Amino acid sequence: MSNVNYAAMSDRELKRYILTHRDDREGFYAYMDRQRSRPPKVTIKLDDPAWEEKIISEIRIKDMSLVRLLNPQQHEDILDLGCGDGKKTKEIADSAARVVGIDICDSGEDSCNNLEFEIKNATDLDYNQEFDAVFSNLVIHHIKTPEQVISSVWNALKPGGRFVAEFYGHGTAEEIILALQEVMSSHNYSFDINEDFPWYLPNQEEYCNLLINQGFEVTDQSIFPVKMPFVDICTWLEQILFNTERFKHINKEAIFAEVQNQVRSQLFKNSTWFVNYQHIRIVAIKSSELSNNN
C-alpha cells in the first residue's frame, strides 16, 4: 500500500509523478481513474442543424492538437502511419522537410514536392532508420498485432526519433461490448472480444509496456474520454462487425436490436444515441539503436 497522497496532487503533478515512478501501479491507476471521471466534452445533438460542421470541427481540433504534440520541424522526415485520405499528412508536410503517408489502401492522393504516398502494411514496413518521427492518428486499434506494428515503427525511426500516436483503448464501447456478450450468450453463441471483435483495445499500461519492451522510452502518455453521437447502436454494430466471421451466419439484426435495447438507458440521452470512446495518446522515443528484442 502506497503512502503517497495522490488526491492532493494536481492533474499535472500526478501526471509528472507517474511518468517518473513507473513502478507505482497505485499511482498509475489513480491517474487513470481521475481521467475516466472527467465529463465528456462533446455534447453535439443529432438534431442540431450544424451537427456535421460541429463534429468535423471537434475532430479537427483533436487532430490538430496531436499534430502540435508531434511538432514537426522543417528539417525532419516524418512517416504518417495509416494516413487514410492524406489530409493530415498534407498538414504535417507544411512544416516538415519530407512526409511519407502509408496506408493499406490507396489514399487517392498523388505524391508531390515533399509529400509521398505509398501502399504498405503497418506490420511490415521496409524502412530502416529513415524517419525522425512516426505519426499515427486513430489507426493502431485496427491492427491486432501490436508488437509487429511497434517493431516496424522502431525500425523506421532514426536513433532518438519519436513515435506520436493516438488510438482507441480499453473501455471504448464498453457498455455495447458487454451487452453484446450477454445477448450472444443468451442465444447460445459465444463471443470473445479478443477473437471476434475487430479492434485491439489495450489499456494504457499494457501498451506502454509493449513500447518499453521494444526499447522505447515513453515520455508522455494520457487517456481521455470522448462521447460521440451516432445514428443508433444497431448501425454502429453493423459498421464495426459487418465483415466479422462470427456474425455471417446468424440473425445479427435481431442480436443487434437486443443489444440496443439493453444499453438504451446508458447510451440514449435527450433523443440522441452516443458511443463512449477512450482515447490513448502516447509519445515514445527510440532511445538506443538496439531494442530489447534484438
Protein backbone atom coordinates (compact mmCIF):
# COMPACT_ATOMS: atom_id res chain seq x y z
CA MET A 1 0.00 0.00 0.00
CA SER A 2 1.47 3.33 -1.06
CA ASN A 3 1.65 6.26 1.38
CA VAL A 4 1.56 8.81 -1.43
CA ASN A 5 -1.45 11.16 -1.32
CA TYR A 6 -2.48 11.11 -4.97
CA ALA A 7 -5.70 13.03 -4.29
CA ALA A 8 -3.71 16.04 -3.07
CA MET A 9 -1.83 16.28 -6.38
CA SER A 10 -2.99 18.46 -9.24
CA ASP A 11 -3.55 16.77 -12.62
CA ARG A 12 -0.17 17.99 -13.82
CA GLU A 13 1.61 16.88 -10.64
CA LEU A 14 0.04 13.42 -10.76
CA LYS A 15 0.92 13.01 -14.43
CA ARG A 16 4.52 14.05 -13.77
CA TYR A 17 4.64 11.67 -10.80
CA ILE A 18 3.56 8.57 -12.73
CA LEU A 19 5.96 9.37 -15.55
CA THR A 20 8.84 9.35 -13.07
CA HIS A 21 7.55 6.50 -10.87
CA ARG A 22 6.58 3.87 -13.41
CA ASP A 23 6.69 1.06 -10.86
CA ASP A 24 3.95 2.67 -8.74
CA ARG A 25 0.84 0.89 -10.01
CA GLU A 26 -1.42 2.59 -7.45
CA GLY A 27 -0.34 5.97 -8.79
CA PHE A 28 -1.00 4.86 -12.35
CA TYR A 29 -4.50 3.62 -11.52
CA ALA A 30 -5.23 6.81 -9.54
CA TYR A 31 -4.35 8.80 -12.65
CA MET A 32 -6.48 6.54 -14.87
CA ASP A 33 -9.46 6.83 -12.50
CA ARG A 34 -9.16 10.61 -12.49
CA GLN A 35 -9.08 10.73 -16.30
CA ARG A 36 -12.14 8.48 -16.61
CA SER A 37 -14.09 10.64 -14.16
CA ARG A 38 -13.82 13.70 -16.42
CA PRO A 39 -17.12 14.67 -18.04
CA PRO A 40 -17.17 14.27 -21.85
CA LYS A 41 -16.65 17.47 -23.78
CA VAL A 42 -18.61 16.55 -26.91
CA THR A 43 -22.29 17.35 -26.44
CA ILE A 44 -23.46 17.84 -30.03
CA LYS A 45 -27.06 16.79 -30.74
CA LEU A 46 -28.09 14.99 -33.90
CA ASP A 47 -30.98 17.43 -34.43
CA ASP A 48 -28.58 20.38 -34.39
CA PRO A 49 -28.72 21.92 -37.91
CA ALA A 50 -24.94 22.43 -37.71
CA TRP A 51 -24.31 18.85 -36.47
CA GLU A 52 -21.95 17.82 -39.27
CA GLU A 53 -19.91 21.01 -39.13
CA LYS A 54 -19.52 20.76 -35.35
CA ILE A 55 -18.45 17.11 -35.47
CA ILE A 56 -15.87 17.87 -38.15
CA SER A 57 -14.65 20.86 -36.14
CA GLU A 58 -14.37 18.77 -32.95
CA ILE A 59 -12.38 16.04 -34.70
CA ARG A 60 -10.16 18.62 -36.41
CA ILE A 61 -9.37 20.27 -33.07
CA LYS A 62 -8.30 16.95 -31.57
CA ASP A 63 -6.30 16.05 -34.68
CA MET A 64 -4.56 19.42 -34.67
CA SER A 65 -3.59 19.01 -31.02
CA LEU A 66 -1.96 15.68 -31.91
CA VAL A 67 -0.03 17.39 -34.71
CA ARG A 68 1.05 20.07 -32.24
CA LEU A 69 2.25 17.28 -29.98
CA LEU A 70 4.22 15.91 -32.95
CA ASN A 71 5.67 19.39 -33.50
CA PRO A 72 7.11 18.73 -36.99
CA GLN A 73 10.25 20.66 -37.89
CA GLN A 74 11.43 21.90 -41.29
CA HIS A 75 14.48 19.61 -41.33
CA GLU A 76 12.60 16.43 -40.40
CA ASP A 77 11.48 13.34 -42.33
CA ILE A 78 8.15 12.09 -40.95
CA LEU A 79 6.12 8.94 -41.56
CA ASP A 80 2.32 9.11 -41.26
CA LEU A 81 1.29 5.57 -40.32
CA GLY A 82 -2.22 4.88 -41.63
CA CYS A 83 -2.69 8.16 -43.47
CA GLY A 84 -6.23 7.48 -44.76
CA ASP A 85 -7.30 10.22 -47.14
CA GLY A 86 -3.99 12.07 -46.65
CA LYS A 87 -5.40 15.30 -45.23
CA LYS A 88 -3.41 15.10 -42.02
CA THR A 89 -0.33 14.07 -44.00
CA LYS A 90 -0.59 17.27 -46.01
CA GLU A 91 -0.92 19.34 -42.86
CA ILE A 92 2.26 17.82 -41.45
CA ALA A 93 4.03 18.42 -44.79
CA ASP A 94 3.51 22.18 -44.34
CA SER A 95 6.11 22.08 -41.55
CA ALA A 96 8.39 19.14 -42.38
CA ALA A 97 11.11 18.55 -44.97
CA ARG A 98 9.61 15.25 -46.17
CA VAL A 99 6.46 13.37 -45.23
CA VAL A 100 5.53 9.85 -46.32
CA GLY A 101 1.94 8.73 -45.84
CA ILE A 102 1.37 4.98 -45.85
CA ASP A 103 -1.88 3.04 -45.71
CA ILE A 104 -3.06 -0.44 -46.60
CA CYS A 105 -5.41 1.19 -49.14
CA ASP A 106 -4.76 3.82 -51.78
CA SER A 107 -5.20 7.31 -50.33
CA GLY A 108 -6.26 8.62 -53.72
CA GLU A 109 -3.64 11.37 -53.45
CA ASP A 110 -0.63 11.88 -55.70
CA SER A 111 2.91 12.32 -54.43
CA CYS A 112 4.37 15.79 -54.98
CA ASN A 113 7.17 18.01 -53.73
CA ASN A 114 8.00 16.91 -50.15
CA LEU A 115 4.93 14.66 -49.88
CA GLU A 116 4.80 10.96 -50.79
CA PHE A 117 2.02 8.35 -50.56
CA GLU A 118 2.64 4.62 -50.56
CA ILE A 119 0.55 1.47 -50.06
CA LYS A 120 2.13 -0.51 -47.22
CA ASN A 121 1.12 -2.68 -44.29
CA ALA A 122 1.95 -1.13 -40.91
CA THR A 123 3.12 -4.50 -39.59
CA ASP A 124 5.68 -4.99 -42.36
CA LEU A 125 7.35 -1.70 -43.20
CA ASP A 126 10.66 -1.94 -45.05
CA TYR A 127 12.17 1.32 -43.80
CA ASN A 128 15.50 1.31 -41.99
CA GLN A 129 16.17 4.30 -39.74
CA GLU A 130 14.77 6.78 -42.28
CA PHE A 131 12.47 8.94 -40.18
CA ASP A 132 12.80 11.48 -37.38
CA ALA A 133 9.22 10.80 -36.30
CA VAL A 134 6.34 8.39 -36.89
CA PHE A 135 2.84 9.82 -36.51
CA SER A 136 -0.35 7.76 -36.24
CA ASN A 137 -3.87 9.06 -35.69
CA LEU A 138 -6.72 6.66 -34.78
CA VAL A 139 -5.26 3.69 -36.65
CA ILE A 140 -3.46 1.41 -34.19
CA HIS A 141 -6.65 -0.06 -32.70
CA HIS A 142 -7.46 -1.51 -36.13
CA ILE A 143 -4.35 -3.74 -36.04
CA LYS A 144 -4.49 -6.74 -33.71
CA THR A 145 -0.76 -7.49 -33.80
CA PRO A 146 0.62 -4.51 -31.84
CA GLU A 147 4.09 -5.96 -31.33
CA GLN A 148 4.60 -6.12 -35.10
CA VAL A 149 3.49 -2.51 -35.51
CA ILE A 150 5.81 -1.32 -32.73
CA SER A 151 8.72 -3.27 -34.22
CA SER A 152 8.06 -1.73 -37.66
CA VAL A 153 7.93 1.75 -36.15
CA TRP A 154 11.17 1.10 -34.27
CA ASN A 155 12.96 0.03 -37.45
CA ALA A 156 11.64 3.03 -39.39
CA LEU A 157 12.88 5.55 -36.82
CA LYS A 158 16.33 7.04 -36.60
CA PRO A 159 18.01 6.74 -33.16
CA GLY A 160 16.42 9.42 -30.99
CA GLY A 161 13.34 9.52 -33.22
CA ARG A 162 9.86 9.80 -31.71
CA PHE A 163 6.61 7.89 -32.07
CA VAL A 164 3.49 10.03 -31.60
CA ALA A 165 0.18 8.18 -31.70
CA GLU A 166 -3.45 8.27 -30.65
CA PHE A 167 -5.85 5.33 -30.75
CA TYR A 168 -8.86 3.79 -29.03
CA GLY A 169 -8.16 1.93 -25.79
CA HIS A 170 -9.74 -0.29 -23.18
CA GLY A 171 -13.17 0.93 -22.14
CA THR A 172 -14.15 2.01 -25.64
CA ALA A 173 -17.77 0.99 -26.31
CA GLU A 174 -17.62 -0.99 -23.07
CA GLU A 175 -21.39 -0.90 -22.50
CA ILE A 176 -22.06 -2.18 -26.02
CA ILE A 177 -19.45 -4.94 -25.87
CA LEU A 178 -20.69 -6.24 -22.51
CA ALA A 179 -24.30 -6.21 -23.72
CA LEU A 180 -23.29 -7.99 -26.92
CA GLN A 181 -21.56 -10.73 -24.95
CA GLU A 182 -24.66 -11.20 -22.75
CA VAL A 183 -27.08 -11.28 -25.69
CA MET A 184 -24.90 -13.70 -27.65
CA SER A 185 -24.68 -15.98 -24.62
CA SER A 186 -28.45 -15.92 -24.15
CA HIS A 187 -28.77 -17.27 -27.71
CA ASN A 188 -26.11 -19.92 -27.05
CA TYR A 189 -23.50 -18.16 -29.15
CA SER A 190 -20.00 -17.41 -27.92
CA PHE A 191 -18.39 -14.01 -28.33
CA ASP A 192 -14.74 -13.47 -27.43
CA ILE A 193 -13.63 -9.85 -27.69
CA ASN A 194 -10.07 -10.92 -28.49
CA GLU A 195 -11.16 -13.25 -31.30
CA ASP A 196 -14.47 -11.85 -32.57
CA PHE A 197 -14.15 -8.07 -32.15
CA PRO A 198 -12.09 -6.42 -34.90
CA TRP A 199 -10.37 -3.80 -32.72
CA TYR A 200 -7.35 -4.07 -30.44
CA LEU A 201 -8.22 -2.11 -27.29
CA PRO A 202 -5.32 -2.16 -24.82
CA ASN A 203 -5.20 -0.35 -21.53
CA GLN A 204 -2.65 2.40 -21.16
CA GLU A 205 -0.21 0.40 -19.05
CA GLU A 206 -0.31 -2.59 -21.41
CA TYR A 207 0.59 -0.55 -24.48
CA CYS A 208 3.30 1.42 -22.71
CA ASN A 209 4.86 -1.85 -21.56
CA LEU A 210 4.96 -3.09 -25.16
CA LEU A 211 6.79 0.09 -26.15
CA ILE A 212 9.24 -0.23 -23.27
CA ASN A 213 9.89 -3.89 -24.10
CA GLN A 214 10.84 -2.84 -27.63
CA GLY A 215 13.33 -0.33 -26.23
CA PHE A 216 11.30 2.88 -26.39
CA GLU A 217 11.27 5.47 -23.62
CA VAL A 218 7.68 6.61 -23.05
CA THR A 219 7.91 10.35 -22.39
CA ASP A 220 4.21 11.25 -22.46
CA GLN A 221 1.00 9.26 -22.05
CA SER A 222 -2.60 10.23 -21.49
CA ILE A 223 -6.10 8.84 -21.77
CA PHE A 224 -9.29 10.82 -22.20
CA PRO A 225 -12.95 10.00 -22.88
CA VAL A 226 -14.86 11.15 -25.94
CA LYS A 227 -18.61 10.72 -26.18
CA MET A 228 -19.68 10.74 -29.82
CA PRO A 229 -23.26 10.82 -31.15
CA PHE A 230 -24.34 8.11 -33.56
CA VAL A 231 -27.47 7.26 -35.52
CA ASP A 232 -28.17 4.27 -33.28
CA ILE A 233 -26.34 1.32 -31.77
CA CYS A 234 -27.59 -1.16 -34.38
CA THR A 235 -25.96 0.92 -37.11
CA TRP A 236 -22.76 1.25 -35.10
CA LEU A 237 -22.56 -2.52 -34.61
CA GLU A 238 -23.27 -3.17 -38.27
CA GLN A 239 -20.46 -0.84 -39.34
CA ILE A 240 -17.94 -2.34 -36.91
CA LEU A 241 -18.86 -6.01 -37.29
CA PHE A 242 -20.06 -6.20 -40.90
CA ASN A 243 -17.12 -8.33 -42.02
CA THR A 244 -16.71 -10.41 -38.87
CA GLU A 245 -16.95 -14.17 -39.35
CA ARG A 246 -18.92 -14.69 -36.12
CA PHE A 247 -21.91 -12.76 -37.49
CA LYS A 248 -22.04 -14.03 -41.05
CA HIS A 249 -24.36 -16.97 -40.39
CA ILE A 250 -26.63 -15.80 -37.58
CA ASN A 251 -29.55 -13.37 -37.33
CA LYS A 252 -27.35 -10.41 -36.46
CA GLU A 253 -30.14 -7.87 -36.95
CA ALA A 254 -32.10 -9.43 -34.08
CA ILE A 255 -28.95 -9.68 -31.93
CA PHE A 256 -28.07 -6.03 -32.54
CA ALA A 257 -31.63 -4.92 -31.78
CA GLU A 258 -31.48 -6.71 -28.41
CA VAL A 259 -28.14 -5.09 -27.64
CA GLN A 260 -29.51 -1.64 -28.48
CA ASN A 261 -32.50 -2.18 -26.23
CA GLN A 262 -30.25 -3.34 -23.38
CA VAL A 263 -27.98 -0.25 -23.48
CA ARG A 264 -30.75 2.29 -24.10
CA SER A 265 -30.76 3.57 -20.50
CA GLN A 266 -26.99 4.14 -20.66
CA LEU A 267 -26.43 5.47 -24.17
CA PHE A 268 -29.67 7.19 -25.22
CA LYS A 269 -29.99 10.68 -23.77
CA ASN A 270 -32.00 13.68 -24.95
CA SER A 271 -33.21 11.80 -28.04
CA THR A 272 -29.62 11.07 -29.07
CA TRP A 273 -27.59 7.86 -29.15
CA PHE A 274 -23.95 8.04 -28.01
CA VAL A 275 -20.93 5.75 -28.10
CA ASN A 276 -18.26 6.21 -25.44
CA TYR A 277 -14.64 6.06 -26.60
CA GLN A 278 -11.43 6.06 -24.60
CA HIS A 279 -8.55 7.71 -26.48
CA ILE A 280 -4.99 6.78 -25.58
CA ARG A 281 -2.25 9.19 -26.60
CA ILE A 282 1.45 8.41 -26.33
CA VAL A 283 4.85 9.87 -27.16
CA ALA A 284 7.79 7.46 -27.14
CA ILE A 285 11.46 7.98 -28.03
CA LYS A 286 13.73 5.46 -29.70
CA SER A 287 16.36 5.69 -27.01
CA SER A 288 19.04 3.46 -28.50
CA GLU A 289 19.93 1.64 -31.69
CA LEU A 290 19.13 -1.80 -30.30
CA SER A 291 15.78 -2.89 -28.91
CA ASN A 292 15.31 -5.25 -26.01
CA ASN A 293 14.01 -7.80 -28.53
CA ASN A 294 17.22 -7.89 -30.56
